[in-house]
């Protein structure tokens, strides 16, 4: 019962099996074809792909479907375009369109999102959230679904200015950069308010890439002055509306686990670099958490190494009611099929409590 297991875990009612989700594997067409018996490839039509994905999700018992609605396209042309390297099967995500919104850090520091992006129609945004959630439920009826916001704070600044100009502006005038962050947070708040007003949306995903793989890229004090106070404001209306708030950041946000929890979210989604043991020890009885097997082991590890990685995650999470198993940094299409199959075999073997 994937939906019930996922919903019970989010609500800290320990299900009899450890629920799971995965990322990117729904585009691993060779694996999907092997698992489902449906002859699907990257060149297949959308109907065939959707049918194969649905069969795959059922076969692998997905309990949770990660999703956000509000992302970089919300900015229209007022954003930096950083291109995209090949990641997906067949290189379908390759993008060589690169352009910079601003050429000087002073322009970044003077940016006013209210002036450049304008006020949004909150009722229309709420309607879009509700529609997006209904579409997700229709596409994944057997799991917990959600809608949400990708460009919450730091990720919004990354998409607006690009990494180079963002870091240059932050280093040029940290005080002015903090004020810019505050202005952006006040602008994106209207989306959080609209999300809070969305009816029949029990779970929301809030994404913000606040760190790199190695940890914070700005002094921790800056985050505590200009990011986390806004999280309290963002999450307040969502909590008041009764929604469960799941938080995602790429990289290693171990240093900020307590700050994020204090802001009022209900669940941690993490990559392998974040300290899941710390989350389990301190928040395992009060919060859901998802992760955090390392995809690098699936890419090039032995069966023994894959088993050891699943056992590591289960040893940390299995005793806690809100734990979901997942490969924290995705299962891309170049992952050997036999490794994927063995990973799933070990998960199924160890998933029962």
Protein backbone atom coordinates (compact mmCIF):
# COMPACT_ATOMS: atom_id res chain seq x y z
CA UNK A 1 0.00 0.00 0.00
CA UNK A 2 2.45 2.66 -1.19
CA UNK A 3 0.21 5.70 -0.58
CA UNK A 4 -0.73 4.64 2.93
CA UNK A 5 2.85 3.74 3.82
CA UNK A 6 4.10 7.11 2.58
CA UNK A 7 1.35 9.06 4.29
CA UNK A 8 1.87 7.17 7.55
CA UNK A 9 5.61 7.88 7.45
CA UNK A 10 5.10 11.61 6.87
CA UNK A 11 2.72 11.61 9.83
CA UNK A 12 5.19 9.59 11.93
CA UNK A 13 3.00 6.51 12.14
CA UNK A 14 5.58 3.83 11.48
CA UNK A 15 4.46 1.64 8.53
CA UNK A 16 5.31 -2.05 8.42
CA UNK A 17 7.70 -1.48 5.52
CA UNK A 18 10.18 1.31 4.95
CA UNK A 19 8.64 3.44 2.18
CA UNK A 20 10.80 4.71 -0.67
CA UNK A 21 11.20 7.18 -3.46
CA UNK A 22 13.85 7.73 -6.13
CA UNK A 23 14.89 10.61 -8.37
CA UNK A 24 15.76 10.62 -12.09
CA UNK A 25 15.38 6.85 -12.42
CA UNK A 26 12.02 7.47 -14.13
CA UNK A 27 14.08 8.55 -17.14
CA UNK A 28 16.32 5.46 -17.14
CA UNK A 29 14.46 3.92 -20.08
CA UNK A 30 16.62 0.82 -20.43
CA UNK A 31 16.01 -0.07 -16.78
CA UNK A 32 12.29 0.65 -17.07
CA UNK A 33 12.04 -1.63 -20.09
CA UNK A 34 13.76 -4.46 -18.20
CA UNK A 35 11.63 -4.06 -15.08
CA UNK A 36 8.26 -3.62 -16.80
CA UNK A 37 8.69 -5.58 -20.04
CA UNK A 38 7.38 -2.56 -21.94
CA UNK A 39 9.61 -1.79 -24.97
CA UNK A 40 10.26 1.87 -24.16
CA UNK A 41 13.22 4.04 -25.24
CA UNK A 42 14.14 7.70 -25.17
CA UNK A 43 12.57 7.96 -28.65
CA UNK A 44 9.20 6.51 -27.60
CA UNK A 45 6.06 8.62 -27.70
CA UNK A 46 4.81 10.30 -24.54
CA UNK A 47 1.91 7.91 -24.03
CA UNK A 48 4.23 4.90 -24.07
CA UNK A 49 6.68 6.62 -21.74
CA UNK A 50 3.96 7.53 -19.26
CA UNK A 51 2.53 4.01 -19.30
CA UNK A 52 5.99 2.52 -18.74
CA UNK A 53 6.81 4.94 -15.94
CA UNK A 54 3.53 4.16 -14.17
CA UNK A 55 4.26 0.44 -14.39
CA UNK A 56 7.81 1.01 -13.13
CA UNK A 57 6.66 3.09 -10.16
CA UNK A 58 4.25 0.34 -9.21
CA UNK A 59 6.90 -2.38 -9.60
CA UNK A 60 9.40 -0.48 -7.45
CA UNK A 61 6.64 0.66 -5.03
CA UNK A 62 7.20 4.41 -5.04
CA UNK A 63 5.48 5.93 -2.00
CA UNK A 64 6.45 9.57 -2.54
CA UNK A 65 6.71 11.70 -5.69
CA UNK A 66 8.98 14.75 -5.41
CA UNK A 67 7.52 17.78 -7.20
CA UNK A 68 7.59 21.57 -7.28
CA UNK A 69 5.70 23.94 -9.58
CA UNK A 70 7.33 27.35 -9.15
CA UNK A 71 10.82 27.42 -10.67
CA UNK A 72 13.09 29.61 -12.82
CA UNK A 73 10.61 30.12 -15.71
CA UNK A 74 8.55 32.16 -13.24
CA UNK A 75 11.08 34.95 -13.84
CA UNK A 76 10.44 35.05 -17.58
CA UNK A 77 13.32 36.74 -19.38
CA UNK A 78 14.53 38.45 -16.20
CA UNK A 79 17.11 35.80 -15.36
CA UNK A 80 20.56 34.48 -16.18
CA UNK A 81 20.72 31.42 -18.40
CA UNK A 82 23.49 29.04 -17.38
CA UNK A 83 22.92 26.27 -19.93
CA UNK A 84 22.83 22.59 -18.96
CA UNK A 85 25.24 19.69 -19.39
CA UNK A 86 24.14 16.27 -20.63
CA UNK A 87 22.55 14.26 -17.83
CA UNK A 88 19.36 12.67 -19.15
CA UNK A 89 19.16 9.65 -21.45
CA UNK A 90 19.91 10.59 -25.03
CA UNK A 91 21.24 14.01 -23.98
CA UNK A 92 17.75 15.49 -24.15
CA UNK A 93 18.59 18.03 -21.45
CA UNK A 94 21.61 19.54 -23.26
CA UNK A 95 21.31 23.33 -23.40
CA UNK A 96 24.04 25.64 -24.69
CA UNK A 97 22.04 28.86 -24.22
CA UNK A 98 24.13 31.02 -21.89
CA UNK A 99 23.42 34.68 -21.13
CA UNK A 100 23.96 36.99 -18.16
CA UNK A 101 21.29 39.24 -16.70
CA UNK A 102 23.85 41.71 -15.38
CA UNK A 103 27.51 42.35 -16.19
CA UNK A 104 28.52 44.16 -12.98
CA UNK A 105 28.04 43.23 -9.33
CA UNK A 106 26.72 46.71 -8.57
CA UNK A 107 23.77 45.99 -10.88
CA UNK A 108 23.03 42.80 -8.98
CA UNK A 109 23.15 44.60 -5.63
CA UNK A 110 20.72 47.26 -6.88
CA UNK A 111 18.20 44.74 -8.23
CA UNK A 112 14.65 45.14 -6.93
CA UNK A 113 12.43 42.14 -7.70
CA UNK A 114 9.26 44.10 -6.98
CA UNK A 115 10.23 46.64 -9.62
CA UNK A 116 11.58 44.15 -12.18
CA UNK A 117 9.23 41.19 -11.65
CA UNK A 118 6.17 42.90 -10.23
CA UNK A 119 3.37 41.86 -7.96
CA UNK A 120 1.61 38.60 -8.80
CA UNK A 121 -2.05 37.62 -8.75
CA UNK A 122 -2.19 35.49 -5.61
CA UNK A 123 -5.52 33.87 -6.49
CA UNK A 124 -4.15 32.83 -9.88
CA UNK A 125 -1.02 31.36 -8.30
CA UNK A 126 -3.19 29.46 -5.81
CA UNK A 127 -5.26 28.10 -8.69
CA UNK A 128 -2.09 26.95 -10.44
CA UNK A 129 -0.84 25.18 -7.31
CA UNK A 130 -4.16 23.37 -6.94
CA UNK A 131 -4.17 22.37 -10.60
CA UNK A 132 -0.56 21.19 -10.43
CA UNK A 133 -1.34 19.05 -7.39
CA UNK A 134 -4.37 17.47 -9.08
CA UNK A 135 -2.25 16.65 -12.12
CA UNK A 136 0.33 14.96 -9.91
CA UNK A 137 -2.32 12.89 -8.15
CA UNK A 138 -3.75 11.81 -11.50
CA UNK A 139 -0.29 10.82 -12.75
CA UNK A 140 0.75 9.02 -9.52
CA UNK A 141 -2.39 7.72 -7.81
CA UNK A 142 -0.51 5.17 -5.71
CA UNK A 143 1.80 7.54 -3.84
CA UNK A 144 1.99 10.73 -1.80
CA UNK A 145 2.03 13.75 -4.10
CA UNK A 146 2.80 17.40 -3.64
CA UNK A 147 3.29 20.76 -5.27
CA UNK A 148 5.73 23.41 -4.16
CA UNK A 149 8.37 26.07 -4.71
CA UNK A 150 11.87 25.54 -6.12
CA UNK A 151 13.18 29.12 -6.13
CA UNK A 152 12.55 29.69 -2.44
CA UNK A 153 15.42 32.01 -1.55
CA UNK A 154 19.04 31.18 -2.41
CA UNK A 155 17.96 29.12 -5.43
CA UNK A 156 16.02 32.13 -6.67
CA UNK A 157 19.14 34.27 -6.50
CA UNK A 158 21.14 31.58 -8.32
CA UNK A 159 18.65 31.47 -11.19
CA UNK A 160 18.37 35.23 -11.40
CA UNK A 161 22.08 36.05 -11.43
CA UNK A 162 24.06 32.85 -12.03
CA UNK A 163 26.79 31.55 -9.76
CA UNK A 164 29.60 33.83 -10.96
CA UNK A 165 27.74 37.10 -10.56
CA UNK A 166 26.05 36.00 -7.35
CA UNK A 167 29.37 35.20 -5.66
CA UNK A 168 31.01 38.34 -7.02
CA UNK A 169 28.17 40.50 -5.68
CA UNK A 170 28.22 38.76 -2.29
CA UNK A 171 31.96 39.32 -2.00
CA UNK A 172 31.85 42.91 -3.24
CA UNK A 173 29.39 44.14 -0.61
CA UNK A 174 28.05 41.54 1.83
CA UNK A 175 25.75 44.06 3.53
CA UNK A 176 24.12 45.13 0.26
CA UNK A 177 23.88 41.50 -0.80
CA UNK A 178 22.03 40.73 2.42
CA UNK A 179 19.57 43.53 1.68
CA UNK A 180 19.09 42.16 -1.84
CA UNK A 181 18.31 38.74 -0.35
CA UNK A 182 15.77 40.35 1.97
CA UNK A 183 14.09 42.06 -0.99
CA UNK A 184 13.90 38.81 -2.90
CA UNK A 185 12.45 37.01 0.13
CA UNK A 186 9.74 39.66 0.46
CA UNK A 187 8.86 39.14 -3.22
CA UNK A 188 8.73 35.32 -3.12
CA UNK A 189 6.62 35.46 0.06
CA UNK A 190 3.58 36.08 -2.14
CA UNK A 191 4.05 32.57 -3.58
CA UNK A 192 4.20 31.03 -0.11
CA UNK A 193 1.04 32.86 0.85
CA UNK A 194 -0.64 31.59 -2.33
CA UNK A 195 0.55 28.05 -1.63
CA UNK A 196 -0.86 28.23 1.89
CA UNK A 197 -4.25 29.13 0.41
CA UNK A 198 -4.26 26.11 -1.93
CA UNK A 199 -7.05 23.75 -0.90
CA UNK A 200 -6.74 19.98 -0.68
CA UNK A 201 -2.91 20.10 -0.89
CA UNK A 202 -1.71 18.21 2.18
CA UNK A 203 2.03 18.08 1.39
CA UNK A 204 4.30 20.74 -0.09
CA UNK A 205 7.92 20.62 -1.22
CA UNK A 206 10.12 23.62 -0.48
CA UNK A 207 13.45 23.51 -2.28
CA UNK A 208 16.44 25.78 -1.71
CA UNK A 209 20.03 24.97 -2.68
CA UNK A 210 21.64 26.83 0.19
CA UNK A 211 25.00 25.02 0.09
CA UNK A 212 27.54 23.29 -2.11
CA UNK A 213 28.73 19.70 -1.79
CA UNK A 214 31.36 20.96 0.65
CA UNK A 215 28.92 23.05 2.70
CA UNK A 216 28.07 26.78 2.91
CA UNK A 217 29.46 29.05 0.21
CA UNK A 218 28.93 32.21 2.27
CA UNK A 219 29.68 32.75 5.97
CA UNK A 220 27.17 30.87 8.16
CA UNK A 221 26.28 34.09 9.96
CA UNK A 222 24.94 35.49 6.68
CA UNK A 223 22.47 32.59 6.35
CA UNK A 224 21.31 33.08 9.91
CA UNK A 225 20.68 36.76 9.29
CA UNK A 226 19.31 36.74 5.74
CA UNK A 227 17.94 33.26 4.96
CA UNK A 228 16.58 31.38 7.96
CA UNK A 229 14.53 34.26 9.42
CA UNK A 230 12.69 34.31 6.08
CA UNK A 231 12.09 30.56 6.31
CA UNK A 232 10.09 31.23 9.49
CA UNK A 233 7.95 33.69 7.52
CA UNK A 234 7.67 31.35 4.53
CA UNK A 235 6.68 28.30 6.54
CA UNK A 236 4.31 30.02 8.97
CA UNK A 237 1.33 30.31 6.59
CA UNK A 238 1.91 26.76 5.34
CA UNK A 239 1.85 25.34 8.85
CA UNK A 240 -1.20 27.42 9.75
CA UNK A 241 -3.02 25.90 6.77
CA UNK A 242 -2.26 22.38 8.04
CA UNK A 243 0.20 21.40 5.31
CA UNK A 244 3.16 19.08 5.81
CA UNK A 245 6.34 20.86 4.70
CA UNK A 246 9.16 18.84 3.16
CA UNK A 247 12.48 20.66 2.66
CA UNK A 248 15.14 19.86 0.07
CA UNK A 249 18.62 21.22 -0.49
CA UNK A 250 21.39 19.71 -2.57
CA UNK A 251 24.86 19.55 -1.05
CA UNK A 252 25.90 19.30 2.59
CA UNK A 253 23.56 21.30 4.82
CA UNK A 254 24.58 19.48 8.01
CA UNK A 255 25.66 22.75 9.61
CA UNK A 256 22.15 24.14 9.20
CA UNK A 257 19.98 21.16 10.13
CA UNK A 258 18.92 22.76 13.42
CA UNK A 259 18.22 26.13 11.77
CA UNK A 260 15.99 24.52 9.16
CA UNK A 261 14.14 22.43 11.73
CA UNK A 262 13.57 25.49 13.90
CA UNK A 263 11.92 27.25 10.97
CA UNK A 264 9.04 24.77 11.18
CA UNK A 265 9.36 22.19 8.43
CA UNK A 266 8.25 18.57 8.85
CA UNK A 267 10.67 16.56 6.72
CA UNK A 268 14.27 16.58 5.47
CA UNK A 269 15.24 15.54 1.94
CA UNK A 270 18.99 15.24 1.53
CA UNK A 271 21.91 14.08 -0.53
CA UNK A 272 24.52 11.67 0.90
CA UNK A 273 26.79 14.51 2.01
CA UNK A 274 24.30 15.71 4.63
CA UNK A 275 24.62 13.95 7.98
CA UNK A 276 21.55 11.70 8.11
CA UNK A 277 22.77 10.10 11.34
CA UNK A 278 22.52 13.49 13.07
CA UNK A 279 19.01 14.01 11.72
CA UNK A 280 17.96 10.55 12.89
CA UNK A 281 19.47 11.00 16.35
CA UNK A 282 17.92 14.40 17.02
CA UNK A 283 14.80 14.52 14.84
CA UNK A 284 14.02 10.89 14.03
CA UNK A 285 10.95 10.81 16.27
CA UNK A 286 9.63 14.24 15.30
CA UNK A 287 10.39 14.62 11.58
CA UNK A 288 10.29 12.58 8.40
CA UNK A 289 13.55 12.19 6.50
CA UNK A 290 14.44 10.84 3.07
CA UNK A 291 17.76 9.47 1.90
CA UNK A 292 20.54 9.04 1.55
CA UNK A 293 22.29 6.28 -0.40
CA UNK A 294 25.12 7.46 -2.63
CA UNK A 295 24.61 7.12 -6.38
CA UNK A 296 28.36 6.85 -6.93
CA UNK A 297 28.22 3.42 -5.33
CA UNK A 298 25.47 2.34 -7.74
CA UNK A 299 27.47 3.73 -10.66
CA UNK A 300 30.71 1.90 -10.00
CA UNK A 301 30.45 -0.18 -6.84
CA UNK A 302 30.41 -3.93 -6.34
CA UNK A 303 27.37 -5.84 -5.11
CA UNK A 304 28.95 -5.97 -1.67
CA UNK A 305 29.39 -2.19 -1.66
CA UNK A 306 25.82 -1.61 -2.83
CA UNK A 307 24.49 -3.89 -0.10
CA UNK A 308 26.63 -2.14 2.51
CA UNK A 309 25.28 1.25 1.44
CA UNK A 310 21.65 0.15 1.72
CA UNK A 311 22.42 -1.47 5.07
CA UNK A 312 24.01 1.79 6.27
CA UNK A 313 20.88 3.79 5.42
CA UNK A 314 18.55 1.21 6.91
CA UNK A 315 20.60 0.98 10.10
CA UNK A 316 20.18 4.73 10.54
CA UNK A 317 16.58 5.12 9.44
CA UNK A 318 14.63 1.90 9.88
CA UNK A 319 14.00 2.40 13.59
CA UNK A 320 12.37 5.79 12.97
CA UNK A 321 8.75 6.21 11.85
CA UNK A 322 9.30 8.87 9.18
CA UNK A 323 12.20 7.34 7.27
CA UNK A 324 12.02 6.87 3.48
CA UNK A 325 14.71 5.04 1.53
CA UNK A 326 16.14 6.80 -1.52
CA UNK A 327 19.33 7.28 -3.48
CA UNK A 328 19.88 10.84 -2.31
CA UNK A 329 21.72 12.15 -5.36
CA UNK A 330 19.61 10.48 -8.07
CA UNK A 331 19.86 7.37 -10.22
CA UNK A 332 20.85 8.72 -13.67
CA UNK A 333 20.42 6.88 -16.94
CA UNK A 334 24.07 5.81 -17.10
CA UNK A 335 23.76 3.69 -13.94
CA UNK A 336 24.35 0.01 -14.83
CA UNK A 337 21.06 -1.86 -14.98
CA UNK A 338 22.37 -4.79 -12.98
CA UNK A 339 23.41 -2.43 -10.18
CA UNK A 340 19.98 -0.79 -10.13
CA UNK A 341 18.29 -4.19 -9.98
CA UNK A 342 20.53 -5.35 -7.16
CA UNK A 343 19.98 -2.12 -5.22
CA UNK A 344 16.22 -2.65 -5.47
CA UNK A 345 16.61 -6.31 -4.46
CA UNK A 346 18.48 -5.35 -1.30
CA UNK A 347 16.00 -2.59 -0.50
CA UNK A 348 13.08 -5.01 -0.80
CA UNK A 349 14.90 -7.58 1.34
CA UNK A 350 15.55 -5.07 4.12
CA UNK A 351 12.43 -2.90 3.87
CA UNK A 352 10.16 -4.95 6.15
CA UNK A 353 10.07 -4.02 9.81
